[in-house]
Every structure is written in structure tokens, then in C-alpha cells.
Amino acid sequence: NEVYFIDKGSKLPFFLKDWKHRHRILRQDNNQAMIIDDIDYTTPFRLMDYLMYPIMYLQFWVRKPVYKKVFRSA
């Protein structure tokens, strides 16, 4: 009912200390699937972790309409 793969950062930009992105695809009813971006990250400073959250959220939120467009046409 679930498949996934993980991206783990080895060479990161200066503002990231750690990065782990789990791409999850969950089977739903009616021959559909749900895509979940499960992300763990840290920056060099705890305050920066919180400041980066809205940026990270928006970055992945914009993928939703792209996924819908691509997978509906498939």
C-alpha cells in the first residue's frame, strides 16, 4: 500500500546542516494514489530552522498542481 524512496543530502547549501526527504506514494481507493513529501531538515541555527519552515512549505506546496496536471494526463 506504500512505496517510497529517500533523498539524503550529502553536499548541502551553506544554510542547511542536514536534509532528508522521503517521497511517499500511498495507494488510495478507486485506483488512486496520494503523494506525500516527508521532509526533515536542520540549519546551523535553531531559529533559522523555524524561519525556513514557511519557505520549505511553499516550495513543496506549489508541486501539488503540477502533480495533478502530470498524473491526470497519464
PDB file of N, CA and C in Angstrom:
ATOM      1  N   ASN A   1       0.802  -1.214   0.000  1.00  0.00           N
ATOM      2  CA  ASN A   1       0.000   0.000   0.000  1.00  0.00           C
ATOM      3  C   ASN A   1       0.842   1.276   0.000  1.00  0.00           C
ATOM      4  N   GLU A   2       2.150   1.135   0.183  1.00  0.00           N
ATOM      5  CA  GLU A   2       3.028   2.306   0.180  1.00  0.00           C
ATOM      6  C   GLU A   2       4.369   1.946  -0.435  1.00  0.00           C
ATOM      7  N   VAL A   3       4.857   2.851  -1.265  1.00  0.00           N
ATOM      8  CA  VAL A   3       6.229   2.770  -1.762  1.00  0.00           C
ATOM      9  C   VAL A   3       6.874   4.119  -1.478  1.00  0.00           C
ATOM     10  N   TYR A   4       8.185   4.104  -1.291  1.00  0.00           N
ATOM     11  CA  TYR A   4       8.870   5.367  -1.025  1.00  0.00           C
ATOM     12  C   TYR A   4      10.347   5.237  -1.388  1.00  0.00           C
ATOM     13  N   PHE A   5      10.967   6.387  -1.530  1.00  0.00           N
ATOM     14  CA  PHE A   5      12.419   6.456  -1.636  1.00  0.00           C
ATOM     15  C   PHE A   5      12.871   7.696  -0.891  1.00  0.00           C
ATOM     16  N   ILE A   6      14.114   7.703  -0.480  1.00  0.00           N
ATOM     17  CA  ILE A   6      14.634   8.766   0.375  1.00  0.00           C
ATOM     18  C   ILE A   6      15.813   9.459  -0.291  1.00  0.00           C
ATOM     19  N   ASP A   7      15.765  10.789  -0.291  1.00  0.00           N
ATOM     20  CA  ASP A   7      16.908  11.622  -0.677  1.00  0.00           C
ATOM     21  C   ASP A   7      17.566  12.082   0.612  1.00  0.00           C
ATOM     22  N   LYS A   8      18.822  11.781   0.776  1.00  0.00           N
ATOM     23  CA  LYS A   8      19.554  12.256   1.951  1.00  0.00           C
ATOM     24  C   LYS A   8      20.680  13.143   1.462  1.00  0.00           C
ATOM     25  N   GLY A   9      20.718  14.361   1.947  1.00  0.00           N
ATOM     26  CA  GLY A   9      21.712  15.328   1.494  1.00  0.00           C
ATOM     27  C   GLY A   9      23.111  14.977   1.940  1.00  0.00           C
ATOM     28  N   SER A  10      24.042  15.024   1.002  1.00  0.00           N
ATOM     29  CA  SER A  10      25.447  14.821   1.351  1.00  0.00           C
ATOM     30  C   SER A  10      26.228  16.112   1.125  1.00  0.00           C
ATOM     31  N   LYS A  11      25.956  16.805   0.029  1.00  0.00           N
ATOM     32  CA  LYS A  11      26.529  18.130  -0.221  1.00  0.00           C
ATOM     33  C   LYS A  11      25.368  19.113  -0.195  1.00  0.00           C
ATOM     34  N   LEU A  12      25.343  19.941   0.818  1.00  0.00           N
ATOM     35  CA  LEU A  12      24.209  20.836   1.040  1.00  0.00           C
ATOM     36  C   LEU A  12      24.636  22.291   0.911  1.00  0.00           C
ATOM     37  N   PRO A  13      23.683  23.174   0.597  1.00  0.00           N
ATOM     38  CA  PRO A  13      23.994  24.602   0.609  1.00  0.00           C
ATOM     39  C   PRO A  13      24.336  25.056   2.028  1.00  0.00           C
ATOM     40  N   PHE A  14      25.010  26.169   2.131  1.00  0.00           N
ATOM     41  CA  PHE A  14      25.514  26.651   3.425  1.00  0.00           C
ATOM     42  C   PHE A  14      24.441  26.813   4.496  1.00  0.00           C
ATOM     43  N   PHE A  15      23.193  27.052   4.077  1.00  0.00           N
ATOM     44  CA  PHE A  15      22.127  27.305   5.051  1.00  0.00           C
ATOM     45  C   PHE A  15      21.464  26.029   5.559  1.00  0.00           C
ATOM     46  N   LEU A  16      21.913  24.856   5.089  1.00  0.00           N
ATOM     47  CA  LEU A  16      21.378  23.594   5.582  1.00  0.00           C
ATOM     48  C   LEU A  16      22.485  22.759   6.220  1.00  0.00           C
ATOM     49  N   LYS A  17      22.155  22.159   7.350  1.00  0.00           N
ATOM     50  CA  LYS A  17      23.093  21.293   8.060  1.00  0.00           C
ATOM     51  C   LYS A  17      22.778  19.815   7.785  1.00  0.00           C
ATOM     52  N   ASP A  18      21.488  19.512   7.647  1.00  0.00           N
ATOM     53  CA  ASP A  18      21.042  18.137   7.416  1.00  0.00           C
ATOM     54  C   ASP A  18      19.783  18.172   6.559  1.00  0.00           C
ATOM     55  N   TRP A  19      19.609  17.156   5.695  1.00  0.00           N
ATOM     56  CA  TRP A  19      18.456  17.100   4.801  1.00  0.00           C
ATOM     57  C   TRP A  19      18.072  15.647   4.552  1.00  0.00           C
ATOM     58  N   LYS A  20      16.805  15.335   4.763  1.00  0.00           N
ATOM     59  CA  LYS A  20      16.275  14.005   4.457  1.00  0.00           C
ATOM     60  C   LYS A  20      14.864  14.189   3.916  1.00  0.00           C
ATOM     61  N   HIS A  21      14.644  13.749   2.701  1.00  0.00           N
ATOM     62  CA  HIS A  21      13.361  13.916   2.021  1.00  0.00           C
ATOM     63  C   HIS A  21      12.846  12.537   1.637  1.00  0.00           C
ATOM     64  N   ARG A  22      11.765  12.153   2.252  1.00  0.00           N
ATOM     65  CA  ARG A  22      11.143  10.857   1.962  1.00  0.00           C
ATOM     66  C   ARG A  22       9.957  11.097   1.035  1.00  0.00           C
ATOM     67  N   HIS A  23      10.034  10.561  -0.175  1.00  0.00           N
ATOM     68  CA  HIS A  23       8.971  10.659  -1.174  1.00  0.00           C
ATOM     69  C   HIS A  23       8.067   9.451  -0.974  1.00  0.00           C
ATOM     70  N   ARG A  24       6.854   9.679  -0.515  1.00  0.00           N
ATOM     71  CA  ARG A  24       5.932   8.573  -0.232  1.00  0.00           C
ATOM     72  C   ARG A  24       4.786   8.575  -1.227  1.00  0.00           C
ATOM     73  N   ILE A  25       4.426   7.397  -1.707  1.00  0.00           N
ATOM     74  CA  ILE A  25       3.264   7.233  -2.568  1.00  0.00           C
ATOM     75  C   ILE A  25       2.369   6.186  -1.917  1.00  0.00           C
ATOM     76  N   LEU A  26       1.188   6.635  -1.507  1.00  0.00           N
ATOM     77  CA  LEU A  26       0.243   5.773  -0.806  1.00  0.00           C
ATOM     78  C   LEU A  26      -0.917   5.408  -1.718  1.00  0.00           C
ATOM     79  N   ARG A  27      -1.248   4.132  -1.752  1.00  0.00           N
ATOM     80  CA  ARG A  27      -2.402   3.672  -2.533  1.00  0.00           C
ATOM     81  C   ARG A  27      -3.679   4.107  -1.832  1.00  0.00           C
ATOM     82  N   GLN A  28      -4.603   4.628  -2.628  1.00  0.00           N
ATOM     83  CA  GLN A  28      -5.911   5.039  -2.139  1.00  0.00           C
ATOM     84  C   GLN A  28      -6.975   4.160  -2.801  1.00  0.00           C
ATOM     85  N   ASP A  29      -8.218   4.378  -2.424  1.00  0.00           N
ATOM     86  CA  ASP A  29      -9.325   3.663  -3.075  1.00  0.00           C
ATOM     87  C   ASP A  29      -9.492   4.156  -4.510  1.00  0.00           C
ATOM     88  N   ASN A  30     -10.261   3.426  -5.301  1.00  0.00           N
ATOM     89  CA  ASN A  30     -10.611   3.807  -6.670  1.00  0.00           C
ATOM     90  C   ASN A  30      -9.404   4.002  -7.577  1.00  0.00           C
ATOM     91  N   ASN A  31      -8.382   3.165  -7.403  1.00  0.00           N
ATOM     92  CA  ASN A  31      -7.215   3.196  -8.284  1.00  0.00           C
ATOM     93  C   ASN A  31      -6.520   4.557  -8.292  1.00  0.00           C
ATOM     94  N   GLN A  32      -6.434   5.197  -7.132  1.00  0.00           N
ATOM     95  CA  GLN A  32      -5.772   6.491  -6.990  1.00  0.00           C
ATOM     96  C   GLN A  32      -4.626   6.367  -6.009  1.00  0.00           C
ATOM     97  N   ALA A  33      -3.778   7.389  -5.991  1.00  0.00           N
ATOM     98  CA  ALA A  33      -2.644   7.419  -5.066  1.00  0.00           C
ATOM     99  C   ALA A  33      -2.487   8.811  -4.471  1.00  0.00           C
ATOM    100  N   MET A  34      -1.858   8.864  -3.314  1.00  0.00           N
ATOM    101  CA  MET A  34      -1.559  10.129  -2.658  1.00  0.00           C
ATOM    102  C   MET A  34      -0.038  10.248  -2.573  1.00  0.00           C
ATOM    103  N   ILE A  35       0.486  11.407  -2.955  1.00  0.00           N
ATOM    104  CA  ILE A  35       1.926  11.657  -2.888  1.00  0.00           C
ATOM    105  C   ILE A  35       2.192  12.539  -1.677  1.00  0.00           C
ATOM    106  N   ILE A  36       3.128  12.101  -0.836  1.00  0.00           N
ATOM    107  CA  ILE A  36       3.468  12.839   0.377  1.00  0.00           C
ATOM    108  C   ILE A  36       4.963  13.130   0.362  1.00  0.00           C
ATOM    109  N   ASP A  37       5.319  14.397   0.553  1.00  0.00           N
ATOM    110  CA  ASP A  37       6.711  14.799   0.712  1.00  0.00           C
ATOM    111  C   ASP A  37       6.967  14.937   2.205  1.00  0.00           C
ATOM    112  N   ASP A  38       7.696  14.003   2.765  1.00  0.00           N
ATOM    113  CA  ASP A  38       8.009  13.981   4.194  1.00  0.00           C
ATOM    114  C   ASP A  38       9.451  14.467   4.345  1.00  0.00           C
ATOM    115  N   ILE A  39       9.626  15.665   4.900  1.00  0.00           N
ATOM    116  CA  ILE A  39      10.939  16.313   4.900  1.00  0.00           C
ATOM    117  C   ILE A  39      11.413  16.596   6.320  1.00  0.00           C
ATOM    118  N   ASP A  40      12.652  16.213   6.586  1.00  0.00           N
ATOM    119  CA  ASP A  40      13.336  16.578   7.827  1.00  0.00           C
ATOM    120  C   ASP A  40      14.583  17.362   7.435  1.00  0.00           C
ATOM    121  N   TYR A  41      14.785  18.493   8.069  1.00  0.00           N
ATOM    122  CA  TYR A  41      15.970  19.302   7.793  1.00  0.00           C
ATOM    123  C   TYR A  41      16.382  20.050   9.052  1.00  0.00           C
ATOM    124  N   THR A  42      17.622  20.420   9.099  1.00  0.00           N
ATOM    125  CA  THR A  42      18.106  21.327  10.140  1.00  0.00           C
ATOM    126  C   THR A  42      19.053  22.321   9.486  1.00  0.00           C
ATOM    127  N   THR A  43      19.132  23.468  10.106  1.00  0.00           N
ATOM    128  CA  THR A  43      20.052  24.514   9.677  1.00  0.00           C
ATOM    129  C   THR A  43      21.097  24.675  10.784  1.00  0.00           C
ATOM    130  N   PRO A  44      22.099  25.491  10.555  1.00  0.00           N
ATOM    131  CA  PRO A  44      23.107  25.680  11.610  1.00  0.00           C
ATOM    132  C   PRO A  44      22.559  26.318  12.895  1.00  0.00           C
ATOM    133  N   PHE A  45      21.399  26.982  12.798  1.00  0.00           N
ATOM    134  CA  PHE A  45      20.843  27.681  13.961  1.00  0.00           C
ATOM    135  C   PHE A  45      19.368  27.327  14.137  1.00  0.00           C
ATOM    136  N   ARG A  46      18.962  27.031  15.361  1.00  0.00           N
ATOM    137  CA  ARG A  46      17.584  26.624  15.635  1.00  0.00           C
ATOM    138  C   ARG A  46      16.577  27.674  15.163  1.00  0.00           C
ATOM    139  N   LEU A  47      16.845  28.941  15.389  1.00  0.00           N
ATOM    140  CA  LEU A  47      15.931  29.995  14.947  1.00  0.00           C
ATOM    141  C   LEU A  47      15.755  29.945  13.430  1.00  0.00           C
ATOM    142  N   MET A  48      16.824  29.671  12.734  1.00  0.00           N
ATOM    143  CA  MET A  48      16.759  29.589  11.279  1.00  0.00           C
ATOM    144  C   MET A  48      15.903  28.396  10.821  1.00  0.00           C
ATOM    145  N   ASP A  49      15.880  27.319  11.611  1.00  0.00           N
ATOM    146  CA  ASP A  49      15.000  26.185  11.301  1.00  0.00           C
ATOM    147  C   ASP A  49      13.555  26.671  11.198  1.00  0.00           C
ATOM    148  N   TYR A  50      13.142  27.477  12.146  1.00  0.00           N
ATOM    149  CA  TYR A  50      11.767  27.988  12.165  1.00  0.00           C
ATOM    150  C   TYR A  50      11.521  29.001  11.051  1.00  0.00           C
ATOM    151  N   LEU A  51      12.508  29.817  10.767  1.00  0.00           N
ATOM    152  CA  LEU A  51      12.362  30.808   9.704  1.00  0.00           C
ATOM    153  C   LEU A  51      12.293  30.152   8.322  1.00  0.00           C
ATOM    154  N   MET A  52      12.949  29.020   8.163  1.00  0.00           N
ATOM    155  CA  MET A  52      12.960  28.309   6.890  1.00  0.00           C
ATOM    156  C   MET A  52      11.660  27.535   6.640  1.00  0.00           C
ATOM    157  N   TYR A  53      10.912  27.240   7.696  1.00  0.00           N
ATOM    158  CA  TYR A  53       9.717  26.410   7.551  1.00  0.00           C
ATOM    159  C   TYR A  53       8.736  26.944   6.502  1.00  0.00           C
ATOM    160  N   PRO A  54       8.349  28.230   6.551  1.00  0.00           N
ATOM    161  CA  PRO A  54       7.392  28.712   5.535  1.00  0.00           C
ATOM    162  C   PRO A  54       7.956  28.613   4.115  1.00  0.00           C
ATOM    163  N   ILE A  55       9.246  28.824   3.965  1.00  0.00           N
ATOM    164  CA  ILE A  55       9.876  28.723   2.645  1.00  0.00           C
ATOM    165  C   ILE A  55       9.801  27.282   2.143  1.00  0.00           C
ATOM    166  N   MET A  56      10.144  26.344   3.008  1.00  0.00           N
ATOM    167  CA  MET A  56      10.092  24.932   2.636  1.00  0.00           C
ATOM    168  C   MET A  56       8.656  24.510   2.327  1.00  0.00           C
ATOM    169  N   TYR A  57       7.732  24.946   3.149  1.00  0.00           N
ATOM    170  CA  TYR A  57       6.323  24.595   2.945  1.00  0.00           C
ATOM    171  C   TYR A  57       5.845  25.070   1.574  1.00  0.00           C
ATOM    172  N   LEU A  58       6.104  26.323   1.265  1.00  0.00           N
ATOM    173  CA  LEU A  58       5.661  26.871  -0.021  1.00  0.00           C
ATOM    174  C   LEU A  58       6.344  26.189  -1.200  1.00  0.00           C
ATOM    175  N   GLN A  59       7.611  25.873  -1.041  1.00  0.00           N
ATOM    176  CA  GLN A  59       8.359  25.223  -2.108  1.00  0.00           C
ATOM    177  C   GLN A  59       7.711  23.896  -2.517  1.00  0.00           C
ATOM    178  N   PHE A  60       7.233  23.147  -1.557  1.00  0.00           N
ATOM    179  CA  PHE A  60       6.625  21.860  -1.866  1.00  0.00           C
ATOM    180  C   PHE A  60       5.124  21.968  -2.117  1.00  0.00           C
ATOM    181  N   TRP A  61       4.496  22.986  -1.596  1.00  0.00           N
ATOM    182  CA  TRP A  61       3.068  23.204  -1.826  1.00  0.00           C
ATOM    183  C   TRP A  61       2.794  23.488  -3.301  1.00  0.00           C
ATOM    184  N   VAL A  62       3.696  24.200  -3.978  1.00  0.00           N
ATOM    185  CA  VAL A  62       3.492  24.524  -5.384  1.00  0.00           C
ATOM    186  C   VAL A  62       3.577  23.286  -6.277  1.00  0.00           C
ATOM    187  N   ARG A  63       4.079  22.181  -5.761  1.00  0.00           N
ATOM    188  CA  ARG A  63       4.138  20.946  -6.541  1.00  0.00           C
ATOM    189  C   ARG A  63       2.762  20.300  -6.728  1.00  0.00           C
ATOM    190  N   LYS A  64       1.847  20.587  -5.830  1.00  0.00           N
ATOM    191  CA  LYS A  64       0.534  19.929  -5.859  1.00  0.00           C
ATOM    192  C   LYS A  64      -0.168  20.075  -7.209  1.00  0.00           C
ATOM    193  N   PRO A  65      -0.321  21.299  -7.754  1.00  0.00           N
ATOM    194  CA  PRO A  65      -0.991  21.404  -9.055  1.00  0.00           C
ATOM    195  C   PRO A  65      -0.178  20.756 -10.188  1.00  0.00           C
ATOM    196  N   VAL A  66       1.135  20.754 -10.065  1.00  0.00           N
ATOM    197  CA  VAL A  66       1.977  20.113 -11.083  1.00  0.00           C
ATOM    198  C   VAL A  66       1.733  18.615 -11.073  1.00  0.00           C
ATOM    199  N   TYR A  67       1.742  18.009  -9.893  1.00  0.00           N
ATOM    200  CA  TYR A  67       1.458  16.569  -9.786  1.00  0.00           C
ATOM    201  C   TYR A  67       0.088  16.253 -10.393  1.00  0.00           C
ATOM    202  N   LYS A  68      -0.918  17.047 -10.054  1.00  0.00           N
ATOM    203  CA  LYS A  68      -2.268  16.795 -10.564  1.00  0.00           C
ATOM    204  C   LYS A  68      -2.298  16.860 -12.082  1.00  0.00           C
ATOM    205  N   LYS A  69      -1.655  17.863 -12.641  1.00  0.00           N
ATOM    206  CA  LYS A  69      -1.655  18.016 -14.095  1.00  0.00           C
ATOM    207  C   LYS A  69      -0.935  16.858 -14.776  1.00  0.00           C
ATOM    208  N   VAL A  70       0.215  16.488 -14.279  1.00  0.00           N
ATOM    209  CA  VAL A  70       1.020  15.437 -14.893  1.00  0.00           C
ATOM    210  C   VAL A  70       0.327  14.085 -14.788  1.00  0.00           C
ATOM    211  N   PHE A  71      -0.168  13.760 -13.621  1.00  0.00           N
ATOM    212  CA  PHE A  71      -0.717  12.427 -13.416  1.00  0.00           C
ATOM    213  C   PHE A  71      -2.141  12.252 -13.928  1.00  0.00           C
ATOM    214  N   ARG A  72      -2.864  13.334 -14.101  1.00  0.00           N
ATOM    215  CA  ARG A  72      -4.200  13.222 -14.712  1.00  0.00           C
ATOM    216  C   ARG A  72      -4.085  12.932 -16.197  1.00  0.00           C
ATOM    217  N   SER A  73      -3.046  13.431 -16.818  1.00  0.00           N
ATOM    218  CA  SER A  73      -2.880  13.218 -18.262  1.00  0.00           C
ATOM    219  C   SER A  73      -2.273  11.844 -18.576  1.00  0.00           C
ATOM    220  N   ALA A  74      -1.742  11.185 -17.545  1.00  0.00           N
ATOM    221  CA  ALA A  74      -1.095   9.886 -17.773  1.00  0.00           C
ATOM    222  C   ALA A  74      -2.099   8.769 -17.964  1.00  0.00           C
TER     223      ALA A  74
END
